[in-house]
Amino acid sequence: MNKLKSVCVYCGSNFNGDVALRNAIKQLAETLVKQQIRLVYGGGSVGVMGVLANDVLELGGLVTGVIPQFLMDKEVGHKGVTEMIVTENMHQRKQRMADLSDGFVILPGGFGTLEEFFEVLTWLQLGLHTKPIGILNVNGFYDPLFAQMDMMVQSKFLKPANRDLVFNEANAETLIDKMDDFSAVPDEVWFRERNLS
């Protein structure tokens, strides 16, 4: 039985038309629907967000969008999702998305995607939640990001145990399966123990 009942997906509000990315989105949608996992996402009808939501809906899956009022006013909100939650601002949106989700998946995106990823990752490191975080690393898109994390470990700004909190997979089904088996073991002594080796 899946521990994951709902997964929050952070992804771009643009879509570059890349075929590999399009296939990865489709595979993620199929995996979520097959495993009866609700998609929680930023509520948009555009970009990778819109493509993913449409794929899940077309396959008969459940989709919860969470969007701030100012973006609804700009008419970028998806009109066909199972449930749409409108928040007052971006902070409430992010908190609500996190609260509704049993795990987090990161697809290719820009600044907003990275900001959301690092926020939930920091919360996990601090023990504020125990939910799995996985990057769907399409065509090595996030290889430089993982190289940067390795540099943080080498430079003693990050403990290896916390570096290892993030799953890095190119296959959506493999990623979701690993996330479903996750149990959080962040190194919580960072504030007492300064030795990062």
Protein backbone atom coordinates (compact mmCIF):
# COMPACT_ATOMS: atom_id res chain seq x y z
CA MET A 1 0.00 0.00 0.00
CA ASN A 2 1.39 3.40 -0.98
CA LYS A 3 2.41 5.75 1.76
CA LEU A 4 2.23 8.49 -0.84
CA LYS A 5 -1.38 9.60 -1.31
CA SER A 6 -0.51 12.99 -2.80
CA VAL A 7 2.64 14.42 -4.35
CA CYS A 8 3.50 18.07 -4.86
CA VAL A 9 5.26 18.70 -8.16
CA TYR A 10 7.39 21.82 -8.62
CA CYS A 11 8.00 22.66 -12.27
CA GLY A 12 8.34 25.43 -14.81
CA SER A 13 5.63 27.86 -15.87
CA ASN A 14 7.23 27.64 -19.33
CA PHE A 15 7.58 24.60 -21.57
CA ASN A 16 10.42 24.53 -24.09
CA GLY A 17 8.91 21.81 -26.30
CA ASP A 18 11.69 19.33 -25.49
CA VAL A 19 10.60 15.81 -26.48
CA ALA A 20 12.46 14.08 -23.62
CA LEU A 21 10.82 16.40 -21.10
CA ARG A 22 7.41 15.85 -22.70
CA ASN A 23 7.87 12.09 -22.38
CA ALA A 24 9.02 12.40 -18.76
CA ILE A 25 5.92 14.46 -17.89
CA LYS A 26 3.71 11.81 -19.49
CA GLN A 27 5.50 9.02 -17.62
CA LEU A 28 5.15 10.90 -14.31
CA ALA A 29 1.43 11.47 -14.93
CA GLU A 30 0.93 7.78 -15.76
CA THR A 31 2.82 6.72 -12.62
CA LEU A 32 0.81 9.02 -10.36
CA VAL A 33 -2.52 7.88 -11.78
CA LYS A 34 -1.58 4.18 -11.78
CA GLN A 35 -0.56 4.41 -8.11
CA GLN A 36 -3.61 6.54 -7.23
CA ILE A 37 -1.50 9.47 -6.09
CA ARG A 38 -3.13 12.91 -6.24
CA LEU A 39 -1.14 15.64 -8.02
CA VAL A 40 -0.72 18.85 -6.03
CA TYR A 41 0.78 21.66 -8.08
CA GLY A 42 0.84 25.42 -8.58
CA GLY A 43 -2.53 25.61 -10.31
CA GLY A 44 -1.35 27.02 -13.62
CA SER A 45 -2.66 26.21 -17.08
CA VAL A 46 0.60 27.16 -18.79
CA GLY A 47 4.05 25.64 -19.18
CA VAL A 48 5.17 22.33 -17.73
CA MET A 49 2.56 22.87 -14.99
CA GLY A 50 -0.31 22.90 -17.45
CA VAL A 51 1.01 19.96 -19.49
CA LEU A 52 1.36 17.80 -16.37
CA ALA A 53 -2.07 18.72 -14.99
CA ASN A 54 -3.70 18.00 -18.35
CA ASP A 55 -1.98 14.61 -18.63
CA VAL A 56 -3.09 13.54 -15.14
CA LEU A 57 -6.66 14.73 -15.76
CA GLU A 58 -6.87 12.98 -19.15
CA LEU A 59 -5.82 9.72 -17.48
CA GLY A 60 -8.58 10.11 -14.87
CA GLY A 61 -6.34 11.20 -12.00
CA LEU A 62 -6.99 13.76 -9.27
CA VAL A 63 -5.41 17.21 -9.43
CA THR A 64 -5.34 19.92 -6.77
CA GLY A 65 -4.12 23.32 -7.89
CA VAL A 66 -2.98 25.94 -5.38
CA ILE A 67 -2.65 29.43 -6.79
CA PRO A 68 -2.47 32.97 -5.37
CA GLN A 69 -5.28 35.38 -6.23
CA PHE A 70 -3.04 37.69 -8.28
CA LEU A 71 -2.23 34.86 -10.69
CA MET A 72 -5.91 33.91 -10.94
CA ASP A 73 -6.56 37.56 -11.82
CA LYS A 74 -4.05 37.22 -14.68
CA GLU A 75 -6.13 34.27 -15.94
CA VAL A 76 -3.33 31.70 -15.78
CA GLY A 77 -5.29 29.42 -13.41
CA HIS A 78 -6.30 26.01 -14.77
CA LYS A 79 -10.06 25.82 -15.28
CA GLY A 80 -10.41 22.02 -15.30
CA VAL A 81 -8.65 20.73 -12.17
CA THR A 82 -10.40 18.51 -9.62
CA GLU A 83 -9.92 21.13 -6.91
CA MET A 84 -8.57 24.70 -6.99
CA ILE A 85 -7.43 26.44 -3.83
CA VAL A 86 -6.89 30.19 -4.10
CA THR A 87 -4.56 31.81 -1.56
CA GLU A 88 -3.87 35.44 -0.70
CA ASN A 89 -0.16 35.31 -1.54
CA MET A 90 2.82 33.18 -2.59
CA HIS A 91 3.83 32.28 0.98
CA GLN A 92 0.40 30.85 1.74
CA ARG A 93 0.46 29.01 -1.57
CA LYS A 94 3.75 27.27 -0.79
CA GLN A 95 2.69 26.37 2.74
CA ARG A 96 -0.64 24.97 1.55
CA MET A 97 1.01 22.91 -1.19
CA ALA A 98 3.45 21.45 1.34
CA ASP A 99 0.72 20.72 3.88
CA LEU A 100 -1.41 18.88 1.29
CA SER A 101 1.44 16.66 0.08
CA ASP A 102 3.15 13.46 1.22
CA GLY A 103 6.22 14.12 -0.92
CA PHE A 104 7.78 16.49 -3.46
CA VAL A 105 8.92 15.93 -7.05
CA ILE A 106 11.01 18.48 -8.94
CA LEU A 107 10.83 18.70 -12.73
CA PRO A 108 12.90 21.08 -14.87
CA GLY A 109 12.08 24.73 -14.26
CA GLY A 110 13.55 28.12 -13.44
CA PHE A 111 14.10 30.30 -10.37
CA GLY A 112 10.70 29.54 -8.82
CA THR A 113 11.19 25.78 -9.12
CA LEU A 114 14.62 25.95 -7.47
CA GLU A 115 13.36 28.26 -4.73
CA GLU A 116 10.53 25.86 -3.87
CA PHE A 117 12.88 22.86 -3.99
CA PHE A 118 15.44 24.41 -1.64
CA GLU A 119 12.77 25.57 0.79
CA VAL A 120 11.25 22.10 1.32
CA LEU A 121 14.74 20.57 1.35
CA THR A 122 15.84 23.00 4.07
CA TRP A 123 12.68 22.20 6.04
CA LEU A 124 13.53 18.48 5.77
CA GLN A 125 17.11 19.12 6.92
CA LEU A 126 15.78 21.05 9.92
CA GLY A 127 13.32 18.27 10.78
CA LEU A 128 10.25 20.43 10.07
CA HIS A 129 8.84 17.62 7.92
CA THR A 130 9.80 14.03 7.09
CA LYS A 131 8.51 13.87 3.52
CA PRO A 132 10.59 12.51 0.61
CA ILE A 133 12.01 14.81 -2.05
CA GLY A 134 12.89 13.58 -5.51
CA ILE A 135 14.32 15.21 -8.60
CA LEU A 136 13.15 13.82 -11.94
CA ASN A 137 16.44 14.53 -13.68
CA VAL A 138 15.43 14.63 -17.34
CA ASN A 139 18.42 14.37 -19.72
CA GLY A 140 20.79 15.43 -16.94
CA PHE A 141 19.08 18.82 -16.53
CA TYR A 142 19.94 18.91 -12.83
CA ASP A 143 23.45 17.39 -13.05
CA PRO A 144 25.06 20.82 -12.42
CA LEU A 145 22.85 21.26 -9.34
CA PHE A 146 23.99 17.92 -7.89
CA ALA A 147 27.59 18.88 -8.71
CA GLN A 148 27.03 22.08 -6.70
CA MET A 149 25.70 20.02 -3.77
CA ASP A 150 28.81 17.83 -3.95
CA MET A 151 30.93 20.98 -3.87
CA MET A 152 29.03 22.10 -0.74
CA VAL A 153 29.94 18.78 0.91
CA GLN A 154 33.58 19.04 -0.18
CA SER A 155 33.72 22.60 1.12
CA LYS A 156 32.17 21.48 4.44
CA PHE A 157 29.01 23.59 4.15
CA LEU A 158 26.81 20.49 3.89
CA LYS A 159 26.91 17.10 5.60
CA PRO A 160 26.87 14.01 3.36
CA ALA A 161 23.80 12.70 5.24
CA ASN A 162 21.87 15.83 4.26
CA ARG A 163 23.20 15.76 0.69
CA ASP A 164 21.77 12.24 0.45
CA LEU A 165 18.25 13.36 1.40
CA VAL A 166 17.41 14.05 -2.27
CA PHE A 167 16.58 11.29 -4.74
CA ASN A 168 18.05 11.73 -8.23
CA GLU A 169 16.34 9.61 -10.89
CA ALA A 170 15.67 9.87 -14.62
CA ASN A 171 12.72 7.45 -14.50
CA ALA A 172 9.45 8.60 -12.92
CA GLU A 173 8.30 5.17 -11.73
CA THR A 174 11.68 4.44 -10.10
CA LEU A 175 11.62 7.85 -8.43
CA ILE A 176 8.11 7.42 -6.99
CA ASP A 177 8.93 3.88 -5.77
CA LYS A 178 12.04 5.11 -3.96
CA MET A 179 10.15 8.03 -2.46
CA ASP A 180 7.44 5.66 -1.23
CA ASP A 181 10.07 3.70 0.74
CA PHE A 182 11.74 6.81 2.18
CA SER A 183 12.32 7.36 5.87
CA ALA A 184 13.95 10.65 6.80
CA VAL A 185 17.29 10.59 8.55
CA PRO A 186 18.49 14.20 8.45
CA ASP A 187 21.57 15.00 10.50
CA GLU A 188 19.99 17.28 13.06
CA VAL A 189 23.10 18.05 15.10
CA TRP A 190 24.33 20.72 12.70
CA PHE A 191 23.69 23.43 15.27
CA ARG A 192 25.74 21.65 17.98
CA GLU A 193 28.37 19.82 15.99
CA ARG A 194 30.47 22.05 13.74
CA ASN A 195 32.60 19.25 12.29
CA LEU A 196 31.15 18.66 8.83
CA SER A 197 33.41 15.78 7.86
